[in-house]
Amino acid sequence: MSESGSPLPPAARPNSASTSNRRAIGLGAAVIGVLGVAAVGAFVTAEASSSAAVSEIVLEPAVVQAAVLPDLEGDLGQNALEPTTANDDLRADGGCTIEALSVRLGSDGDGVACLQTALTDEGFYDDTIDGAFDNSLAQAVMAYQEDQHLFVDGIVGRESAIELDIWPDEESLITRTPPPPAGATDSLGFALSVVATTGDDAPPLPDNSGSGRRVVYDRAGQRVWAVAEDGEIIRSWLVSGSKYSNEQPGTHTVYSRSDMSTAWNGQAWLPQMIRYQKTEIGNIGFHAIPLHVSDNSIYQTSDELGTRLSGGCQRQANEDAAFMWAFAPVGTTIVVT
């Protein structure tokens, strides 16, 4: 079982008492060694330096709740969970893209025509370029995915589109704010990370991102906002979200939290895991930058935040994860755009 109570795949399960002891020791070291004693204390106290934090945030002890599905980190492969949401941004060189987060059987339009052209150039498609995603195109897609050692499902999402060079320029969608001064805090007194900002300095919220007290996550911009009941942007920061098509847009609710969890494959610690979405293959949520179980080394640096690197969840700088842990108890609204 994972730290969240989730079953691990057989290959990831400890097979001896000594292995269990090593993992238990590693968990303790991971919490203290990487997040630090102060951050661990923030699970309960939030370490807020202003009285405003007490009125805005309902603090609670660390909650560990069982989750039926494993938490999504690791190399999952592309899957079919993403709707065809419009994305009209061009490649950096001005070339065509699939103009959506994914295209599949039944899709049509210029984005599909772009896919047909790309597969024709690669020698996998020799039918009409008519912008219709039919069985012939699906077979060509699967042949290409198999040839390129991609997840074979006949759906063209981010990974397949990147290989075909028909994915939009992601960096053009990212708003990077200057690092805050040393010791800077948000409006509730929580320390800002190098990718965080607050108040009027924060980028504007996406359109149609709800109202009231909530957390907003924009997949295209890899950015999160914590919003007060009156609409104040308490804090905004970059994350590293999913490489795949498994983050579902819409309004969700936090349903489970673990101060430390384990990835589906048992190879990563996921500190301060906040789950808000169940997919067909696992849980998605916010957590601090994951650590390798083998040696507690980090999977990425803070400088890489804003780049899609995870298998499903949203990775955060430790300061932002500590803030989220205090701000988002079970029941918090999460809006994904």
Protein backbone atom coordinates (compact mmCIF):
# COMPACT_ATOMS: atom_id res chain seq x y z
CA MET A 1 0.00 0.00 0.00
CA SER A 2 1.17 3.55 -0.63
CA GLU A 3 1.37 6.15 2.12
CA SER A 4 -2.06 7.34 0.97
CA GLY A 5 -3.55 3.90 1.44
CA SER A 6 -3.47 3.29 -2.32
CA PRO A 7 -2.43 -0.15 -3.58
CA LEU A 8 0.88 -0.12 -5.42
CA PRO A 9 1.54 -2.16 -8.56
CA PRO A 10 3.00 -5.59 -7.62
CA ALA A 11 6.48 -4.66 -8.82
CA ALA A 12 6.50 -1.64 -6.52
CA ARG A 13 5.35 -3.40 -3.35
CA PRO A 14 7.94 -3.98 -0.60
CA ASN A 15 8.86 -7.66 -0.41
CA SER A 16 10.56 -7.78 2.94
CA ALA A 17 10.47 -6.25 6.40
CA SER A 18 13.85 -4.64 5.78
CA THR A 19 12.51 -2.95 2.66
CA SER A 20 9.55 -1.62 4.62
CA ASN A 21 11.87 -0.27 7.30
CA ARG A 22 14.07 1.43 4.72
CA ARG A 23 11.03 3.06 3.11
CA ALA A 24 9.73 4.22 6.50
CA ILE A 25 13.12 5.76 7.30
CA GLY A 26 13.22 7.32 3.85
CA LEU A 27 9.79 8.86 4.35
CA GLY A 28 10.88 10.54 7.56
CA ALA A 29 14.05 11.80 5.94
CA ALA A 30 12.13 13.04 2.93
CA VAL A 31 9.74 15.10 5.03
CA ILE A 32 12.41 16.73 7.18
CA GLY A 33 15.37 16.75 4.83
CA VAL A 34 13.66 18.35 1.85
CA LEU A 35 10.68 20.31 3.16
CA GLY A 36 12.47 21.19 6.39
CA VAL A 37 11.27 21.20 9.97
CA ALA A 38 9.51 24.54 9.50
CA ALA A 39 7.62 23.26 6.47
CA VAL A 40 6.55 20.15 8.34
CA GLY A 41 5.29 22.37 11.11
CA ALA A 42 3.34 24.29 8.52
CA PHE A 43 1.19 21.20 7.99
CA VAL A 44 -0.44 22.06 11.31
CA THR A 45 0.43 25.67 12.08
CA ALA A 46 0.87 27.14 8.56
CA GLU A 47 3.58 29.38 10.07
CA ALA A 48 1.57 32.47 9.05
CA SER A 49 3.15 35.76 10.08
CA SER A 50 0.02 37.91 9.89
CA SER A 51 -3.29 37.83 11.71
CA ALA A 52 -5.05 37.93 8.32
CA ALA A 53 -4.02 34.34 7.77
CA VAL A 54 -6.05 33.21 10.74
CA SER A 55 -9.27 34.75 9.47
CA GLU A 56 -8.85 33.64 5.86
CA ILE A 57 -7.56 30.08 6.27
CA VAL A 58 -9.08 27.33 8.36
CA LEU A 59 -6.04 25.42 9.51
CA GLU A 60 -6.25 21.74 10.27
CA PRO A 61 -3.97 18.86 11.25
CA ALA A 62 -2.37 16.87 8.46
CA VAL A 63 -5.06 14.60 7.04
CA VAL A 64 -4.20 11.21 5.58
CA GLN A 65 -7.17 9.68 3.82
CA ALA A 66 -7.25 6.43 1.91
CA ALA A 67 -7.50 6.75 -1.86
CA VAL A 68 -8.75 3.85 -3.93
CA LEU A 69 -6.67 4.77 -6.98
CA PRO A 70 -2.89 5.37 -7.06
CA ASP A 71 -1.56 8.91 -7.39
CA LEU A 72 -0.43 9.78 -10.91
CA GLU A 73 3.30 10.35 -11.17
CA GLY A 74 5.62 8.48 -13.47
CA ASP A 75 5.65 7.62 -17.17
CA LEU A 76 1.98 6.88 -17.78
CA GLY A 77 1.72 7.16 -21.53
CA GLN A 78 -0.81 9.26 -23.39
CA ASN A 79 -4.44 8.37 -22.71
CA ALA A 80 -7.91 9.19 -23.96
CA LEU A 81 -9.22 11.34 -21.12
CA GLU A 82 -8.78 14.79 -22.69
CA PRO A 83 -11.65 16.45 -24.56
CA THR A 84 -10.84 18.27 -27.79
CA THR A 85 -10.48 21.75 -26.33
CA ALA A 86 -9.61 24.50 -28.83
CA ASN A 87 -6.04 25.76 -28.88
CA ASP A 88 -5.28 28.05 -31.82
CA ASP A 89 -1.68 28.91 -30.94
CA LEU A 90 0.89 28.31 -33.67
CA ARG A 91 4.28 26.68 -33.43
CA ALA A 92 7.26 28.90 -32.78
CA ASP A 93 8.11 28.70 -36.51
CA GLY A 94 4.56 29.64 -37.54
CA GLY A 95 3.69 26.16 -38.81
CA CYS A 96 0.36 24.41 -38.31
CA THR A 97 -0.67 22.54 -35.17
CA ILE A 98 -3.47 20.16 -34.21
CA GLU A 99 -5.27 23.24 -32.76
CA ALA A 100 -6.56 21.24 -29.79
CA LEU A 101 -5.22 19.45 -26.74
CA SER A 102 -5.99 16.20 -28.57
CA VAL A 103 -7.62 14.92 -31.75
CA ARG A 104 -9.09 11.47 -32.29
CA LEU A 105 -11.56 9.41 -34.30
CA GLY A 106 -14.45 11.71 -35.23
CA SER A 107 -12.48 14.97 -34.95
CA ASP A 108 -12.34 17.25 -37.97
CA GLY A 109 -11.01 20.60 -39.12
CA ASP A 110 -7.70 22.27 -39.94
CA GLY A 111 -5.93 20.62 -37.02
CA VAL A 112 -6.73 17.17 -38.38
CA ALA A 113 -5.59 18.26 -41.83
CA CYS A 114 -2.31 19.35 -40.24
CA LEU A 115 -1.99 15.88 -38.68
CA GLN A 116 -2.72 14.20 -42.01
CA THR A 117 -0.05 16.28 -43.71
CA ALA A 118 2.52 15.52 -41.00
CA LEU A 119 1.86 11.77 -41.20
CA THR A 120 2.05 11.93 -44.98
CA ASP A 121 5.47 13.59 -44.71
CA GLU A 122 6.56 10.84 -42.32
CA GLY A 123 5.37 8.13 -44.71
CA PHE A 124 2.56 6.76 -42.52
CA TYR A 125 -0.49 8.16 -44.36
CA ASP A 126 -1.32 8.08 -48.06
CA ASP A 127 -5.03 8.87 -48.09
CA THR A 128 -6.89 12.12 -48.79
CA ILE A 129 -5.99 15.21 -46.75
CA ASP A 130 -9.54 16.32 -46.00
CA GLY A 131 -9.48 17.25 -42.29
CA ALA A 132 -11.55 14.21 -41.24
CA PHE A 133 -10.23 11.86 -38.55
CA ASP A 134 -11.50 8.50 -39.86
CA ASN A 135 -10.45 4.88 -39.42
CA SER A 136 -7.72 5.20 -42.03
CA LEU A 137 -6.13 8.07 -40.13
CA ALA A 138 -6.51 6.27 -36.80
CA GLN A 139 -4.60 3.28 -38.19
CA ALA A 140 -1.87 5.59 -39.47
CA VAL A 141 -1.62 7.27 -36.06
CA MET A 142 -1.26 3.95 -34.26
CA ALA A 143 1.39 2.78 -36.71
CA TYR A 144 3.33 5.99 -36.11
CA GLN A 145 2.97 5.71 -32.32
CA GLU A 146 4.24 2.14 -32.38
CA ASP A 147 7.16 3.09 -34.59
CA GLN A 148 8.12 5.96 -32.27
CA HIS A 149 7.65 3.89 -29.09
CA LEU A 150 4.79 6.11 -27.91
CA PHE A 151 1.66 4.99 -26.09
CA VAL A 152 -0.43 3.37 -28.83
CA ASP A 153 -4.07 4.51 -28.61
CA GLY A 154 -4.79 6.23 -31.94
CA ILE A 155 -5.23 9.57 -30.16
CA VAL A 156 -2.92 12.47 -30.96
CA GLY A 157 -2.26 14.50 -27.84
CA ARG A 158 0.80 16.34 -26.62
CA GLU A 159 3.39 13.55 -26.87
CA SER A 160 2.47 12.38 -30.37
CA ALA A 161 2.01 15.95 -31.59
CA ILE A 162 5.44 16.96 -30.28
CA GLU A 163 7.04 14.04 -32.11
CA LEU A 164 5.26 15.13 -35.30
CA ASP A 165 6.20 18.80 -34.71
CA ILE A 166 2.56 19.90 -34.77
CA TRP A 167 2.23 20.97 -31.12
CA PRO A 168 2.01 24.71 -30.25
CA ASP A 169 4.95 26.57 -28.75
CA GLU A 170 4.26 26.00 -25.05
CA GLU A 171 6.65 28.63 -23.71
CA SER A 172 4.68 31.32 -25.54
CA LEU A 173 1.73 30.48 -23.29
CA ILE A 174 3.67 30.83 -20.02
CA THR A 175 3.75 34.10 -18.08
CA ARG A 176 6.91 34.26 -15.96
CA THR A 177 7.02 36.90 -13.25
CA PRO A 178 10.25 38.30 -11.73
CA PRO A 179 11.46 36.46 -8.61
CA PRO A 180 10.19 38.23 -5.50
CA PRO A 181 12.60 39.99 -3.13
CA ALA A 182 14.13 37.88 -0.39
CA GLY A 183 11.68 37.45 2.46
CA ALA A 184 8.64 38.54 0.42
CA THR A 185 5.26 37.15 1.48
CA ASP A 186 1.77 36.97 0.05
CA SER A 187 -1.17 38.87 1.50
CA LEU A 188 -1.65 36.16 4.14
CA GLY A 189 1.97 36.20 5.29
CA PHE A 190 3.20 33.03 3.56
CA ALA A 191 6.67 33.13 2.03
CA LEU A 192 6.72 33.43 -1.77
CA SER A 193 8.67 30.97 -3.88
CA VAL A 194 10.86 32.10 -6.77
CA VAL A 195 7.92 31.49 -9.17
CA ALA A 196 5.19 33.08 -7.03
CA THR A 197 3.66 36.52 -6.82
CA THR A 198 0.72 38.15 -5.08
CA GLY A 199 -2.02 40.77 -5.46
CA ASP A 200 -1.82 43.19 -8.36
CA ASP A 201 1.55 41.77 -9.39
CA ALA A 202 -0.10 38.46 -10.32
CA PRO A 203 -1.15 37.74 -13.93
CA PRO A 204 -4.91 38.08 -14.48
CA LEU A 205 -7.20 35.13 -13.91
CA PRO A 206 -8.32 33.15 -16.96
CA ASP A 207 -11.77 33.84 -18.37
CA ASN A 208 -14.63 31.72 -17.02
CA SER A 209 -12.65 30.60 -13.98
CA GLY A 210 -15.43 30.72 -11.42
CA SER A 211 -16.11 32.94 -8.44
CA GLY A 212 -15.75 32.91 -4.67
CA ARG A 213 -12.98 31.33 -2.62
CA ARG A 214 -11.21 28.85 -4.90
CA VAL A 215 -8.04 27.61 -6.53
CA VAL A 216 -7.72 28.11 -10.30
CA TYR A 217 -5.35 26.03 -12.44
CA ASP A 218 -4.73 27.03 -16.07
CA ARG A 219 -3.25 24.09 -17.98
CA ALA A 220 -2.01 26.08 -20.97
CA GLY A 221 -0.20 28.61 -18.79
CA GLN A 222 0.93 26.09 -16.13
CA ARG A 223 -0.19 28.62 -13.52
CA VAL A 224 -2.24 28.46 -10.31
CA TRP A 225 -4.12 31.20 -8.45
CA ALA A 226 -5.45 31.14 -4.89
CA VAL A 227 -8.46 33.47 -4.78
CA ALA A 228 -10.24 34.90 -1.74
CA GLU A 229 -14.02 35.07 -1.39
CA ASP A 230 -14.00 38.72 -2.47
CA GLY A 231 -11.95 37.99 -5.60
CA GLU A 232 -8.57 39.10 -4.25
CA ILE A 233 -5.68 37.15 -5.77
CA ILE A 234 -3.90 36.02 -2.63
CA ARG A 235 -1.14 34.29 -4.52
CA SER A 236 -0.24 33.00 -8.00
CA TRP A 237 2.54 30.61 -8.97
CA LEU A 238 3.86 28.34 -11.72
CA VAL A 239 3.61 24.56 -11.55
CA SER A 240 4.75 21.60 -13.60
CA GLY A 241 1.62 19.82 -14.75
CA SER A 242 0.96 16.70 -16.77
CA LYS A 243 2.77 15.79 -20.00
CA TYR A 244 -0.30 13.81 -20.97
CA SER A 245 -4.00 14.32 -21.60
CA ASN A 246 -5.39 13.47 -18.17
CA GLU A 247 -6.05 16.83 -16.48
CA GLN A 248 -9.78 17.39 -16.87
CA PRO A 249 -11.13 20.95 -17.24
CA GLY A 250 -14.08 22.01 -15.11
CA THR A 251 -14.93 22.56 -11.46
CA HIS A 252 -13.62 20.00 -8.98
CA THR A 253 -13.49 19.63 -5.20
CA VAL A 254 -10.62 18.54 -2.94
CA TYR A 255 -11.64 15.12 -1.61
CA SER A 256 -8.49 13.70 -0.01
CA ARG A 257 -5.11 14.81 1.36
CA SER A 258 -1.91 13.13 2.55
CA ASP A 259 1.06 14.84 4.17
CA MET A 260 3.22 12.33 2.27
CA SER A 261 2.08 9.97 -0.47
CA THR A 262 3.69 7.59 -2.95
CA ALA A 263 3.48 7.58 -6.74
CA TRP A 264 1.67 4.75 -8.51
CA ASN A 265 4.96 3.01 -9.30
CA GLY A 266 6.36 3.29 -5.79
CA GLN A 267 9.40 5.23 -7.03
CA ALA A 268 8.54 8.74 -5.84
CA TRP A 269 7.52 10.45 -2.61
CA LEU A 270 4.78 13.05 -3.18
CA PRO A 271 4.88 15.57 -0.28
CA GLN A 272 1.70 17.42 0.76
CA MET A 273 -0.58 15.65 -1.73
CA ILE A 274 -3.97 17.35 -2.27
CA ARG A 275 -6.28 15.27 -4.50
CA TYR A 276 -9.13 16.81 -6.46
CA GLN A 277 -9.66 14.60 -9.51
CA LYS A 278 -10.15 10.89 -10.16
CA THR A 279 -9.37 9.51 -13.60
CA GLU A 280 -9.77 6.01 -14.97
CA ILE A 281 -6.21 5.17 -13.93
CA GLY A 282 -5.49 7.21 -10.82
CA ASN A 283 -5.75 10.35 -8.68
CA ILE A 284 -4.60 13.80 -9.78
CA GLY A 285 -3.70 16.56 -7.35
CA PHE A 286 -1.25 19.22 -6.20
CA HIS A 287 1.93 18.30 -4.34
CA ALA A 288 5.45 19.53 -3.70
CA ILE A 289 8.25 18.60 -6.10
CA PRO A 290 8.52 14.80 -5.84
CA LEU A 291 11.53 12.96 -4.47
CA HIS A 292 13.12 9.72 -5.61
CA VAL A 293 12.37 7.00 -3.04
CA SER A 294 15.81 5.50 -3.66
CA ASP A 295 17.84 8.49 -2.43
CA ASN A 296 15.41 11.39 -1.68
CA SER A 297 16.83 13.45 -4.56
CA ILE A 298 14.40 15.83 -6.27
CA TYR A 299 12.82 15.09 -9.65
CA GLN A 300 13.22 18.66 -10.89
CA THR A 301 14.32 22.11 -9.83
CA SER A 302 12.20 25.18 -9.16
CA ASP A 303 13.66 26.74 -12.31
CA GLU A 304 11.87 24.05 -14.35
CA LEU A 305 8.43 24.95 -13.00
CA GLY A 306 6.23 26.18 -15.82
CA THR A 307 7.24 23.15 -17.91
CA ARG A 308 5.00 20.08 -18.20
CA LEU A 309 6.96 17.28 -16.54
CA SER A 310 4.59 15.16 -14.45
CA GLY A 311 2.52 12.08 -15.15
CA GLY A 312 -0.72 13.73 -14.05
CA CYS A 313 -0.33 15.86 -10.93
CA GLN A 314 0.75 19.48 -10.52
CA ARG A 315 4.19 19.81 -8.97
CA GLN A 316 4.84 22.91 -6.86
CA ALA A 317 7.78 24.64 -5.22
CA ASN A 318 7.95 23.73 -1.54
CA GLU A 319 6.83 27.21 -0.41
CA ASP A 320 3.79 27.03 -2.69
CA ALA A 321 2.97 23.49 -1.58
CA ALA A 322 3.07 24.59 2.08
CA PHE A 323 0.71 27.48 1.27
CA MET A 324 -1.68 25.17 -0.61
CA TRP A 325 -1.67 22.71 2.26
CA ALA A 326 -3.01 25.44 4.54
CA PHE A 327 -5.33 27.06 1.99
CA ALA A 328 -7.01 23.99 0.48
CA PRO A 329 -8.62 21.61 3.00
CA VAL A 330 -11.03 18.92 1.89
CA GLY A 331 -14.01 20.61 0.23
CA THR A 332 -12.03 23.42 -1.44
CA THR A 333 -13.15 24.31 -4.98
CA ILE A 334 -10.58 23.73 -7.74
CA VAL A 335 -11.31 25.22 -11.18
CA VAL A 336 -9.27 23.78 -14.07
CA THR A 337 -9.23 25.73 -17.33
